[in-house]
Amino acid sequence: MRAVFIAFNQVLTDEVLSAIGQLGLQGYTRWPDALGSGSRGGEPHLGTHTWPALNSAMLVMAEDTTATQLMQRLKKLDERSPQQGLRAFMWAVEDTI
C-alpha cells in the first residue's frame, strides 16, 4: 500500500480527479484551499490580492502498482503545464485501520 500526496494549482482539479478516477480510485482526502509556493519557479499560490491563485491538496491511498501509475499520470500532467504547479510525493503505508 502506498500514500500519494498531491499539491496542485486549483485550475488542475478536474484533470487530477480524472487521473484518480481513471485508475478506479474512489477514496481520497482533499483540502480545497491550500496555500503554497513552489521550489522550482512559478508564482506563489497564496490567495492574496498580490498572489490570488490557490492550490488544492489531496491524499490518496492505493496499491503499489496503482500508485505508481498515478504518479506517472501526474508527471505527464505536470509536464503539459509546468507553470501551473503540481507536485506529488509517494511513500509506503505500513499499517491502516
PDB file of N, CA and C in Angstrom:
ATOM      1  N   MET A   1       0.846  -1.173   0.000  1.00  0.00           N
ATOM      2  CA  MET A   1       0.000   0.000   0.000  1.00  0.00           C
ATOM      3  C   MET A   1       0.892   1.237   0.000  1.00  0.00           C
ATOM      4  N   ARG A   2       0.469   2.236  -0.765  1.00  0.00           N
ATOM      5  CA  ARG A   2       1.204   3.498  -0.872  1.00  0.00           C
ATOM      6  C   ARG A   2       0.271   4.678  -0.610  1.00  0.00           C
ATOM      7  N   ALA A   3       0.845   5.752  -0.112  1.00  0.00           N
ATOM      8  CA  ALA A   3       0.144   7.025   0.029  1.00  0.00           C
ATOM      9  C   ALA A   3       0.724   7.971  -1.010  1.00  0.00           C
ATOM     10  N   VAL A   4      -0.144   8.679  -1.704  1.00  0.00           N
ATOM     11  CA  VAL A   4       0.294   9.686  -2.668  1.00  0.00           C
ATOM     12  C   VAL A   4      -0.290  11.020  -2.213  1.00  0.00           C
ATOM     13  N   PHE A   5       0.585  11.972  -1.915  1.00  0.00           N
ATOM     14  CA  PHE A   5       0.171  13.329  -1.562  1.00  0.00           C
ATOM     15  C   PHE A   5       0.369  14.194  -2.794  1.00  0.00           C
ATOM     16  N   ILE A   6      -0.663  14.922  -3.183  1.00  0.00           N
ATOM     17  CA  ILE A   6      -0.616  15.749  -4.386  1.00  0.00           C
ATOM     18  C   ILE A   6      -0.963  17.179  -3.999  1.00  0.00           C
ATOM     19  N   ALA A   7      -0.111  18.125  -4.348  1.00  0.00           N
ATOM     20  CA  ALA A   7      -0.392  19.553  -4.188  1.00  0.00           C
ATOM     21  C   ALA A   7      -0.415  20.149  -5.590  1.00  0.00           C
ATOM     22  N   PHE A   8      -1.461  20.921  -5.902  1.00  0.00           N
ATOM     23  CA  PHE A   8      -1.620  21.388  -7.281  1.00  0.00           C
ATOM     24  C   PHE A   8      -2.444  22.667  -7.338  1.00  0.00           C
ATOM     25  N   ASN A   9      -2.205  23.456  -8.384  1.00  0.00           N
ATOM     26  CA  ASN A   9      -2.999  24.643  -8.649  1.00  0.00           C
ATOM     27  C   ASN A   9      -4.449  24.209  -8.844  1.00  0.00           C
ATOM     28  N   GLN A  10      -5.388  24.942  -8.246  1.00  0.00           N
ATOM     29  CA  GLN A  10      -6.799  24.577  -8.344  1.00  0.00           C
ATOM     30  C   GLN A  10      -7.289  24.452  -9.782  1.00  0.00           C
ATOM     31  N   VAL A  11      -6.661  25.139 -10.699  1.00  0.00           N
ATOM     32  CA  VAL A  11      -7.079  25.059 -12.101  1.00  0.00           C
ATOM     33  C   VAL A  11      -6.925  23.639 -12.654  1.00  0.00           C
ATOM     34  N   LEU A  12      -6.098  22.820 -12.015  1.00  0.00           N
ATOM     35  CA  LEU A  12      -5.863  21.441 -12.462  1.00  0.00           C
ATOM     36  C   LEU A  12      -6.784  20.423 -11.785  1.00  0.00           C
ATOM     37  N   THR A  13      -7.742  20.880 -10.989  1.00  0.00           N
ATOM     38  CA  THR A  13      -8.574  19.972 -10.197  1.00  0.00           C
ATOM     39  C   THR A  13      -9.245  18.897 -11.046  1.00  0.00           C
ATOM     40  N   ASP A  14      -9.902  19.281 -12.125  1.00  0.00           N
ATOM     41  CA  ASP A  14     -10.614  18.295 -12.944  1.00  0.00           C
ATOM     42  C   ASP A  14      -9.670  17.246 -13.511  1.00  0.00           C
ATOM     43  N   GLU A  15      -8.492  17.677 -13.941  1.00  0.00           N
ATOM     44  CA  GLU A  15      -7.533  16.728 -14.520  1.00  0.00           C
ATOM     45  C   GLU A  15      -6.961  15.782 -13.461  1.00  0.00           C
ATOM     46  N   VAL A  16      -6.712  16.294 -12.258  1.00  0.00           N
ATOM     47  CA  VAL A  16      -6.212  15.434 -11.181  1.00  0.00           C
ATOM     48  C   VAL A  16      -7.290  14.425 -10.782  1.00  0.00           C
ATOM     49  N   LEU A  17      -8.528  14.886 -10.626  1.00  0.00           N
ATOM     50  CA  LEU A  17      -9.625  13.976 -10.287  1.00  0.00           C
ATOM     51  C   LEU A  17      -9.841  12.943 -11.388  1.00  0.00           C
ATOM     52  N   SER A  18      -9.669  13.344 -12.635  1.00  0.00           N
ATOM     53  CA  SER A  18      -9.798  12.413 -13.755  1.00  0.00           C
ATOM     54  C   SER A  18      -8.726  11.331 -13.695  1.00  0.00           C
ATOM     55  N   ALA A  19      -7.495  11.719 -13.415  1.00  0.00           N
ATOM     56  CA  ALA A  19      -6.398  10.743 -13.318  1.00  0.00           C
ATOM     57  C   ALA A  19      -6.674   9.732 -12.211  1.00  0.00           C
ATOM     58  N   ILE A  20      -7.211  10.203 -11.104  1.00  0.00           N
ATOM     59  CA  ILE A  20      -7.541   9.316  -9.986  1.00  0.00           C
ATOM     60  C   ILE A  20      -8.693   8.385 -10.368  1.00  0.00           C
ATOM     61  N   GLY A  21      -9.733   8.956 -10.964  1.00  0.00           N
ATOM     62  CA  GLY A  21     -10.903   8.172 -11.339  1.00  0.00           C
ATOM     63  C   GLY A  21     -10.626   7.133 -12.409  1.00  0.00           C
ATOM     64  N   GLN A  22      -9.778   7.471 -13.385  1.00  0.00           N
ATOM     65  CA  GLN A  22      -9.451   6.532 -14.459  1.00  0.00           C
ATOM     66  C   GLN A  22      -8.756   5.286 -13.931  1.00  0.00           C
ATOM     67  N   LEU A  23      -8.129   5.393 -12.785  1.00  0.00           N
ATOM     68  CA  LEU A  23      -7.456   4.241 -12.182  1.00  0.00           C
ATOM     69  C   LEU A  23      -8.373   3.487 -11.212  1.00  0.00           C
ATOM     70  N   GLY A  24      -9.619   3.924 -11.117  1.00  0.00           N
ATOM     71  CA  GLY A  24     -10.572   3.244 -10.251  1.00  0.00           C
ATOM     72  C   GLY A  24     -10.423   3.574  -8.777  1.00  0.00           C
ATOM     73  N   LEU A  25      -9.692   4.628  -8.470  1.00  0.00           N
ATOM     74  CA  LEU A  25      -9.502   5.035  -7.074  1.00  0.00           C
ATOM     75  C   LEU A  25     -10.684   5.903  -6.657  1.00  0.00           C
ATOM     76  N   GLN A  26     -11.370   5.513  -5.601  1.00  0.00           N
ATOM     77  CA  GLN A  26     -12.550   6.250  -5.161  1.00  0.00           C
ATOM     78  C   GLN A  26     -12.311   7.042  -3.886  1.00  0.00           C
ATOM     79  N   GLY A  27     -11.451   6.553  -3.024  1.00  0.00           N
ATOM     80  CA  GLY A  27     -11.249   7.199  -1.737  1.00  0.00           C
ATOM     81  C   GLY A  27     -10.074   8.157  -1.741  1.00  0.00           C
ATOM     82  N   TYR A  28     -10.307   9.329  -1.212  1.00  0.00           N
ATOM     83  CA  TYR A  28      -9.235  10.310  -1.065  1.00  0.00           C
ATOM     84  C   TYR A  28      -9.664  11.349  -0.040  1.00  0.00           C
ATOM     85  N   THR A  29      -8.702  12.099   0.455  1.00  0.00           N
ATOM     86  CA  THR A  29      -8.966  13.272   1.280  1.00  0.00           C
ATOM     87  C   THR A  29      -8.473  14.470   0.498  1.00  0.00           C
ATOM     88  N   ARG A  30      -9.297  15.525   0.458  1.00  0.00           N
ATOM     89  CA  ARG A  30      -8.936  16.710  -0.322  1.00  0.00           C
ATOM     90  C   ARG A  30      -9.042  17.958   0.548  1.00  0.00           C
ATOM     91  N   TRP A  31      -8.017  18.782   0.450  1.00  0.00           N
ATOM     92  CA  TRP A  31      -8.013  20.097   1.078  1.00  0.00           C
ATOM     93  C   TRP A  31      -8.155  21.100  -0.066  1.00  0.00           C
ATOM     94  N   PRO A  32      -9.331  21.722  -0.239  1.00  0.00           N
ATOM     95  CA  PRO A  32      -9.579  22.528  -1.433  1.00  0.00           C
ATOM     96  C   PRO A  32      -8.829  23.859  -1.493  1.00  0.00           C
ATOM     97  N   ASP A  33      -8.491  24.440  -0.375  1.00  0.00           N
ATOM     98  CA  ASP A  33      -7.825  25.749  -0.376  1.00  0.00           C
ATOM     99  C   ASP A  33      -6.497  25.674   0.361  1.00  0.00           C
ATOM    100  N   ALA A  34      -5.490  25.188  -0.322  1.00  0.00           N
ATOM    101  CA  ALA A  34      -4.152  25.068   0.267  1.00  0.00           C
ATOM    102  C   ALA A  34      -3.275  26.200  -0.265  1.00  0.00           C
ATOM    103  N   LEU A  35      -2.486  26.779   0.594  1.00  0.00           N
ATOM    104  CA  LEU A  35      -1.571  27.855   0.214  1.00  0.00           C
ATOM    105  C   LEU A  35      -0.183  27.282   0.031  1.00  0.00           C
ATOM    106  N   GLY A  36       0.601  27.882  -0.880  1.00  0.00           N
ATOM    107  CA  GLY A  36       1.954  27.378  -1.042  1.00  0.00           C
ATOM    108  C   GLY A  36       2.749  28.123  -2.089  1.00  0.00           C
ATOM    109  N   SER A  37       4.024  27.829  -2.080  1.00  0.00           N
ATOM    110  CA  SER A  37       4.961  28.396  -3.044  1.00  0.00           C
ATOM    111  C   SER A  37       5.894  27.280  -3.479  1.00  0.00           C
ATOM    112  N   GLY A  38       6.027  27.100  -4.763  1.00  0.00           N
ATOM    113  CA  GLY A  38       6.838  26.003  -5.291  1.00  0.00           C
ATOM    114  C   GLY A  38       8.325  26.252  -5.164  1.00  0.00           C
ATOM    115  N   SER A  39       9.077  25.180  -5.285  1.00  0.00           N
ATOM    116  CA  SER A  39      10.532  25.263  -5.171  1.00  0.00           C
ATOM    117  C   SER A  39      11.219  25.326  -6.527  1.00  0.00           C
ATOM    118  N   ARG A  40      10.443  25.228  -7.625  1.00  0.00           N
ATOM    119  CA  ARG A  40      11.038  25.221  -8.968  1.00  0.00           C
ATOM    120  C   ARG A  40      10.504  26.345  -9.846  1.00  0.00           C
ATOM    121  N   GLY A  41      10.266  27.482  -9.281  1.00  0.00           N
ATOM    122  CA  GLY A  41       9.770  28.590 -10.092  1.00  0.00           C
ATOM    123  C   GLY A  41       8.259  28.671 -10.039  1.00  0.00           C
ATOM    124  N   GLY A  42       7.697  29.439 -10.947  1.00  0.00           N
ATOM    125  CA  GLY A  42       6.262  29.676 -10.917  1.00  0.00           C
ATOM    126  C   GLY A  42       5.929  30.700  -9.848  1.00  0.00           C
ATOM    127  N   GLU A  43       4.667  31.070  -9.803  1.00  0.00           N
ATOM    128  CA  GLU A  43       4.231  32.077  -8.848  1.00  0.00           C
ATOM    129  C   GLU A  43       3.648  31.427  -7.597  1.00  0.00           C
ATOM    130  N   PRO A  44       3.774  32.094  -6.442  1.00  0.00           N
ATOM    131  CA  PRO A  44       3.149  31.580  -5.223  1.00  0.00           C
ATOM    132  C   PRO A  44       1.627  31.523  -5.380  1.00  0.00           C
ATOM    133  N   HIS A  45       1.000  30.606  -4.694  1.00  0.00           N
ATOM    134  CA  HIS A  45      -0.459  30.482  -4.668  1.00  0.00           C
ATOM    135  C   HIS A  45      -0.889  30.736  -3.229  1.00  0.00           C
ATOM    136  N   LEU A  46      -1.182  32.009  -2.927  1.00  0.00           N
ATOM    137  CA  LEU A  46      -1.394  32.426  -1.542  1.00  0.00           C
ATOM    138  C   LEU A  46      -2.788  32.981  -1.266  1.00  0.00           C
ATOM    139  N   GLY A  47      -3.635  33.095  -2.288  1.00  0.00           N
ATOM    140  CA  GLY A  47      -4.985  33.595  -2.082  1.00  0.00           C
ATOM    141  C   GLY A  47      -5.044  35.038  -1.616  1.00  0.00           C
ATOM    142  N   THR A  48      -4.040  35.833  -1.977  1.00  0.00           N
ATOM    143  CA  THR A  48      -3.996  37.242  -1.582  1.00  0.00           C
ATOM    144  C   THR A  48      -4.241  38.124  -2.804  1.00  0.00           C
ATOM    145  N   HIS A  49      -4.349  39.424  -2.561  1.00  0.00           N
ATOM    146  CA  HIS A  49      -4.513  40.354  -3.674  1.00  0.00           C
ATOM    147  C   HIS A  49      -3.316  40.269  -4.619  1.00  0.00           C
ATOM    148  N   THR A  50      -2.125  40.176  -4.059  1.00  0.00           N
ATOM    149  CA  THR A  50      -0.911  40.118  -4.873  1.00  0.00           C
ATOM    150  C   THR A  50      -0.752  38.770  -5.557  1.00  0.00           C
ATOM    151  N   TRP A  51      -1.012  37.700  -4.846  1.00  0.00           N
ATOM    152  CA  TRP A  51      -0.885  36.330  -5.371  1.00  0.00           C
ATOM    153  C   TRP A  51      -2.235  35.619  -5.187  1.00  0.00           C
ATOM    154  N   PRO A  52      -3.206  35.865  -6.088  1.00  0.00           N
ATOM    155  CA  PRO A  52      -4.574  35.384  -5.864  1.00  0.00           C
ATOM    156  C   PRO A  52      -4.814  33.884  -6.073  1.00  0.00           C
ATOM    157  N   ALA A  53      -3.961  33.204  -6.789  1.00  0.00           N
ATOM    158  CA  ALA A  53      -4.194  31.777  -7.060  1.00  0.00           C
ATOM    159  C   ALA A  53      -4.149  30.963  -5.766  1.00  0.00           C
ATOM    160  N   LEU A  54      -4.843  29.836  -5.783  1.00  0.00           N
ATOM    161  CA  LEU A  54      -4.841  28.904  -4.653  1.00  0.00           C
ATOM    162  C   LEU A  54      -4.493  27.506  -5.144  1.00  0.00           C
ATOM    163  N   ASN A  55      -3.961  26.719  -4.256  1.00  0.00           N
ATOM    164  CA  ASN A  55      -3.712  25.304  -4.519  1.00  0.00           C
ATOM    165  C   ASN A  55      -4.822  24.479  -3.892  1.00  0.00           C
ATOM    166  N   SER A  56      -4.857  23.227  -4.263  1.00  0.00           N
ATOM    167  CA  SER A  56      -5.592  22.193  -3.546  1.00  0.00           C
ATOM    168  C   SER A  56      -4.577  21.127  -3.200  1.00  0.00           C
ATOM    169  N   ALA A  57      -4.923  20.273  -2.261  1.00  0.00           N
ATOM    170  CA  ALA A  57      -4.054  19.150  -1.918  1.00  0.00           C
ATOM    171  C   ALA A  57      -4.926  17.918  -1.727  1.00  0.00           C
ATOM    172  N   MET A  58      -4.363  16.769  -2.053  1.00  0.00           N
ATOM    173  CA  MET A  58      -5.087  15.506  -1.909  1.00  0.00           C
ATOM    174  C   MET A  58      -4.165  14.441  -1.353  1.00  0.00           C
ATOM    175  N   LEU A  59      -4.754  13.534  -0.600  1.00  0.00           N
ATOM    176  CA  LEU A  59      -4.047  12.355  -0.120  1.00  0.00           C
ATOM    177  C   LEU A  59      -4.836  11.146  -0.596  1.00  0.00           C
ATOM    178  N   VAL A  60      -4.159  10.279  -1.350  1.00  0.00           N
ATOM    179  CA  VAL A  60      -4.793   9.111  -1.959  1.00  0.00           C
ATOM    180  C   VAL A  60      -4.023   7.869  -1.524  1.00  0.00           C
ATOM    181  N   MET A  61      -4.742   6.833  -1.111  1.00  0.00           N
ATOM    182  CA  MET A  61      -4.121   5.549  -0.785  1.00  0.00           C
ATOM    183  C   MET A  61      -4.397   4.582  -1.927  1.00  0.00           C
ATOM    184  N   ALA A  62      -3.379   3.818  -2.316  1.00  0.00           N
ATOM    185  CA  ALA A  62      -3.544   2.881  -3.427  1.00  0.00           C
ATOM    186  C   ALA A  62      -2.550   1.737  -3.292  1.00  0.00           C
ATOM    187  N   GLU A  63      -2.875   0.632  -3.944  1.00  0.00           N
ATOM    188  CA  GLU A  63      -1.928  -0.479  -4.028  1.00  0.00           C
ATOM    189  C   GLU A  63      -0.695  -0.006  -4.791  1.00  0.00           C
ATOM    190  N   ASP A  64       0.432  -0.654  -4.574  1.00  0.00           N
ATOM    191  CA  ASP A  64       1.715  -0.204  -5.122  1.00  0.00           C
ATOM    192  C   ASP A  64       1.663   0.081  -6.618  1.00  0.00           C
ATOM    193  N   THR A  65       1.157  -0.865  -7.405  1.00  0.00           N
ATOM    194  CA  THR A  65       1.138  -0.706  -8.863  1.00  0.00           C
ATOM    195  C   THR A  65       0.263   0.466  -9.277  1.00  0.00           C
ATOM    196  N   THR A  66      -0.903   0.589  -8.658  1.00  0.00           N
ATOM    197  CA  THR A  66      -1.819   1.674  -8.995  1.00  0.00           C
ATOM    198  C   THR A  66      -1.233   3.021  -8.593  1.00  0.00           C
ATOM    199  N   ALA A  67      -0.576   3.085  -7.451  1.00  0.00           N
ATOM    200  CA  ALA A  67       0.055   4.333  -7.009  1.00  0.00           C
ATOM    201  C   ALA A  67       1.146   4.758  -7.985  1.00  0.00           C
ATOM    202  N   THR A  68       1.910   3.804  -8.483  1.00  0.00           N
ATOM    203  CA  THR A  68       2.954   4.111  -9.468  1.00  0.00           C
ATOM    204  C   THR A  68       2.325   4.641 -10.753  1.00  0.00           C
ATOM    205  N   GLN A  69       1.225   4.039 -11.182  1.00  0.00           N
ATOM    206  CA  GLN A  69       0.527   4.516 -12.377  1.00  0.00           C
ATOM    207  C   GLN A  69      -0.004   5.930 -12.170  1.00  0.00           C
ATOM    208  N   LEU A  70      -0.515   6.212 -10.980  1.00  0.00           N
ATOM    209  CA  LEU A  70      -0.999   7.557 -10.677  1.00  0.00           C
ATOM    210  C   LEU A  70       0.141   8.560 -10.751  1.00  0.00           C
ATOM    211  N   MET A  71       1.278   8.226 -10.176  1.00  0.00           N
ATOM    212  CA  MET A  71       2.436   9.127 -10.236  1.00  0.00           C
ATOM    213  C   MET A  71       2.834   9.404 -11.689  1.00  0.00           C
ATOM    214  N   GLN A  72       2.796   8.391 -12.543  1.00  0.00           N
ATOM    215  CA  GLN A  72       3.138   8.570 -13.956  1.00  0.00           C
ATOM    216  C   GLN A  72       2.155   9.513 -14.642  1.00  0.00           C
ATOM    217  N   ARG A  73       0.875   9.348 -14.369  1.00  0.00           N
ATOM    218  CA  ARG A  73      -0.140  10.233 -14.959  1.00  0.00           C
ATOM    219  C   ARG A  73       0.029  11.671 -14.471  1.00  0.00           C
ATOM    220  N   LEU A  74       0.319  11.830 -13.184  1.00  0.00           N
ATOM    221  CA  LEU A  74       0.513  13.169 -12.638  1.00  0.00           C
ATOM    222  C   LEU A  74       1.753  13.828 -13.221  1.00  0.00           C
ATOM    223  N   LYS A  75       2.803  13.050 -13.444  1.00  0.00           N
ATOM    224  CA  LYS A  75       4.016  13.599 -14.057  1.00  0.00           C
ATOM    225  C   LYS A  75       3.717  14.117 -15.458  1.00  0.00           C
ATOM    226  N   LYS A  76       2.947  13.368 -16.241  1.00  0.00           N
ATOM    227  CA  LYS A  76       2.580  13.816 -17.591  1.00  0.00           C
ATOM    228  C   LYS A  76       1.743  15.087 -17.533  1.00  0.00           C
ATOM    229  N   LEU A  77       0.826  15.162 -16.588  1.00  0.00           N
ATOM    230  CA  LEU A  77       0.008  16.357 -16.424  1.00  0.00           C
ATOM    231  C   LEU A  77       0.878  17.556 -16.079  1.00  0.00           C
ATOM    232  N   ASP A  78       1.824  17.389 -15.181  1.00  0.00           N
ATOM    233  CA  ASP A  78       2.731  18.478 -14.810  1.00  0.00           C
ATOM    234  C   ASP A  78       3.585  18.910 -15.992  1.00  0.00           C
ATOM    235  N   GLU A  79       4.028  17.956 -16.801  1.00  0.00           N
ATOM    236  CA  GLU A  79       4.859  18.282 -17.965  1.00  0.00           C
ATOM    237  C   GLU A  79       4.079  19.068 -19.015  1.00  0.00           C
ATOM    238  N   ARG A  80       2.764  18.848 -19.109  1.00  0.00           N
ATOM    239  CA  ARG A  80       1.936  19.579 -20.075  1.00  0.00           C
ATOM    240  C   ARG A  80       1.744  21.038 -19.672  1.00  0.00           C
ATOM    241  N   SER A  81       1.759  21.316 -18.371  1.00  0.00           N
ATOM    242  CA  SER A  81       1.540  22.687 -17.903  1.00  0.00           C
ATOM    243  C   SER A  81       2.398  22.962 -16.671  1.00  0.00           C
ATOM    244  N   PRO A  82       3.723  23.026 -16.847  1.00  0.00           N
ATOM    245  CA  PRO A  82       4.630  23.133 -15.698  1.00  0.00           C
ATOM    246  C   PRO A  82       4.468  24.414 -14.871  1.00  0.00           C
ATOM    247  N   GLN A  83       4.016  25.499 -15.466  1.00  0.00           N
ATOM    248  CA  GLN A  83       3.883  26.740 -14.709  1.00  0.00           C
ATOM    249  C   GLN A  83       2.670  26.749 -13.791  1.00  0.00           C
ATOM    250  N   GLN A  84       1.732  25.824 -13.994  1.00  0.00           N
ATOM    251  CA  GLN A  84       0.550  25.770 -13.127  1.00  0.00           C
ATOM    252  C   GLN A  84       0.911  25.302 -11.722  1.00  0.00           C
ATOM    253  N   GLY A  85       1.862  24.411 -11.628  1.00  0.00           N
ATOM    254  CA  GLY A  85       2.296  23.910 -10.329  1.00  0.00           C
ATOM    255  C   GLY A  85       1.574  22.639  -9.920  1.00  0.00           C
ATOM    256  N   LEU A  86       2.307  21.541  -9.920  1.00  0.00           N
ATOM    257  CA  LEU A  86       1.802  20.259  -9.442  1.00  0.00           C
ATOM    258  C   LEU A  86       2.988  19.500  -8.878  1.00  0.00           C
ATOM    259  N   ARG A  87       2.853  19.039  -7.646  1.00  0.00           N
ATOM    260  CA  ARG A  87       3.885  18.205  -7.029  1.00  0.00           C
ATOM    261  C   ARG A  87       3.194  17.002  -6.410  1.00  0.00           C
ATOM    262  N   ALA A  88       3.839  15.860  -6.515  1.00  0.00           N
ATOM    263  CA  ALA A  88       3.287  14.642  -5.923  1.00  0.00           C
ATOM    264  C   ALA A  88       4.408  13.889  -5.224  1.00  0.00           C
ATOM    265  N   PHE A  89       4.067  13.292  -4.097  1.00  0.00           N
ATOM    266  CA  PHE A  89       5.026  12.551  -3.281  1.00  0.00           C
ATOM    267  C   PHE A  89       4.391  11.216  -2.912  1.00  0.00           C
ATOM    268  N   MET A  90       5.163  10.149  -2.994  1.00  0.00           N
ATOM    269  CA  MET A  90       4.646   8.819  -2.690  1.00  0.00           C
ATOM    270  C   MET A  90       5.501   8.179  -1.608  1.00  0.00           C
ATOM    271  N   TRP A  91       4.843   7.549  -0.636  1.00  0.00           N
ATOM    272  CA  TRP A  91       5.584   6.823   0.384  1.00  0.00           C
ATOM    273  C   TRP A  91       4.802   5.579   0.803  1.00  0.00           C
ATOM    274  N   ALA A  92       5.509   4.657   1.433  1.00  0.00           N
ATOM    275  CA  ALA A  92       4.906   3.392   1.863  1.00  0.00           C
ATOM    276  C   ALA A  92       4.001   3.606   3.071  1.00  0.00           C
ATOM    277  N   VAL A  93       2.893   2.887   3.087  1.00  0.00           N
ATOM    278  CA  VAL A  93       1.979   2.878   4.225  1.00  0.00           C
ATOM    279  C   VAL A  93       2.218   1.572   4.973  1.00  0.00           C
ATOM    280  N   GLU A  94       2.616   1.671   6.217  1.00  0.00           N
ATOM    281  CA  GLU A  94       2.946   0.479   6.995  1.00  0.00           C
ATOM    282  C   GLU A  94       1.726  -0.222   7.570  1.00  0.00           C
ATOM    283  N   ASP A  95       0.668   0.545   7.872  1.00  0.00           N
ATOM    284  CA  ASP A  95      -0.494  -0.060   8.502  1.00  0.00           C
ATOM    285  C   ASP A  95      -1.699   0.842   8.296  1.00  0.00           C
ATOM    286  N   THR A  96      -2.884   0.270   8.281  1.00  0.00           N
ATOM    287  CA  THR A  96      -4.125   1.043   8.204  1.00  0.00           C
ATOM    288  C   THR A  96      -5.150   0.414   9.140  1.00  0.00           C
ATOM    289  N   ILE A  97      -6.189   1.186   9.474  1.00  0.00           N
ATOM    290  CA  ILE A  97      -7.290   0.641  10.282  1.00  0.00           C
ATOM    291  C   ILE A  97      -8.603   0.908   9.576  1.00  0.00           C
TER     292      ILE A  97
END
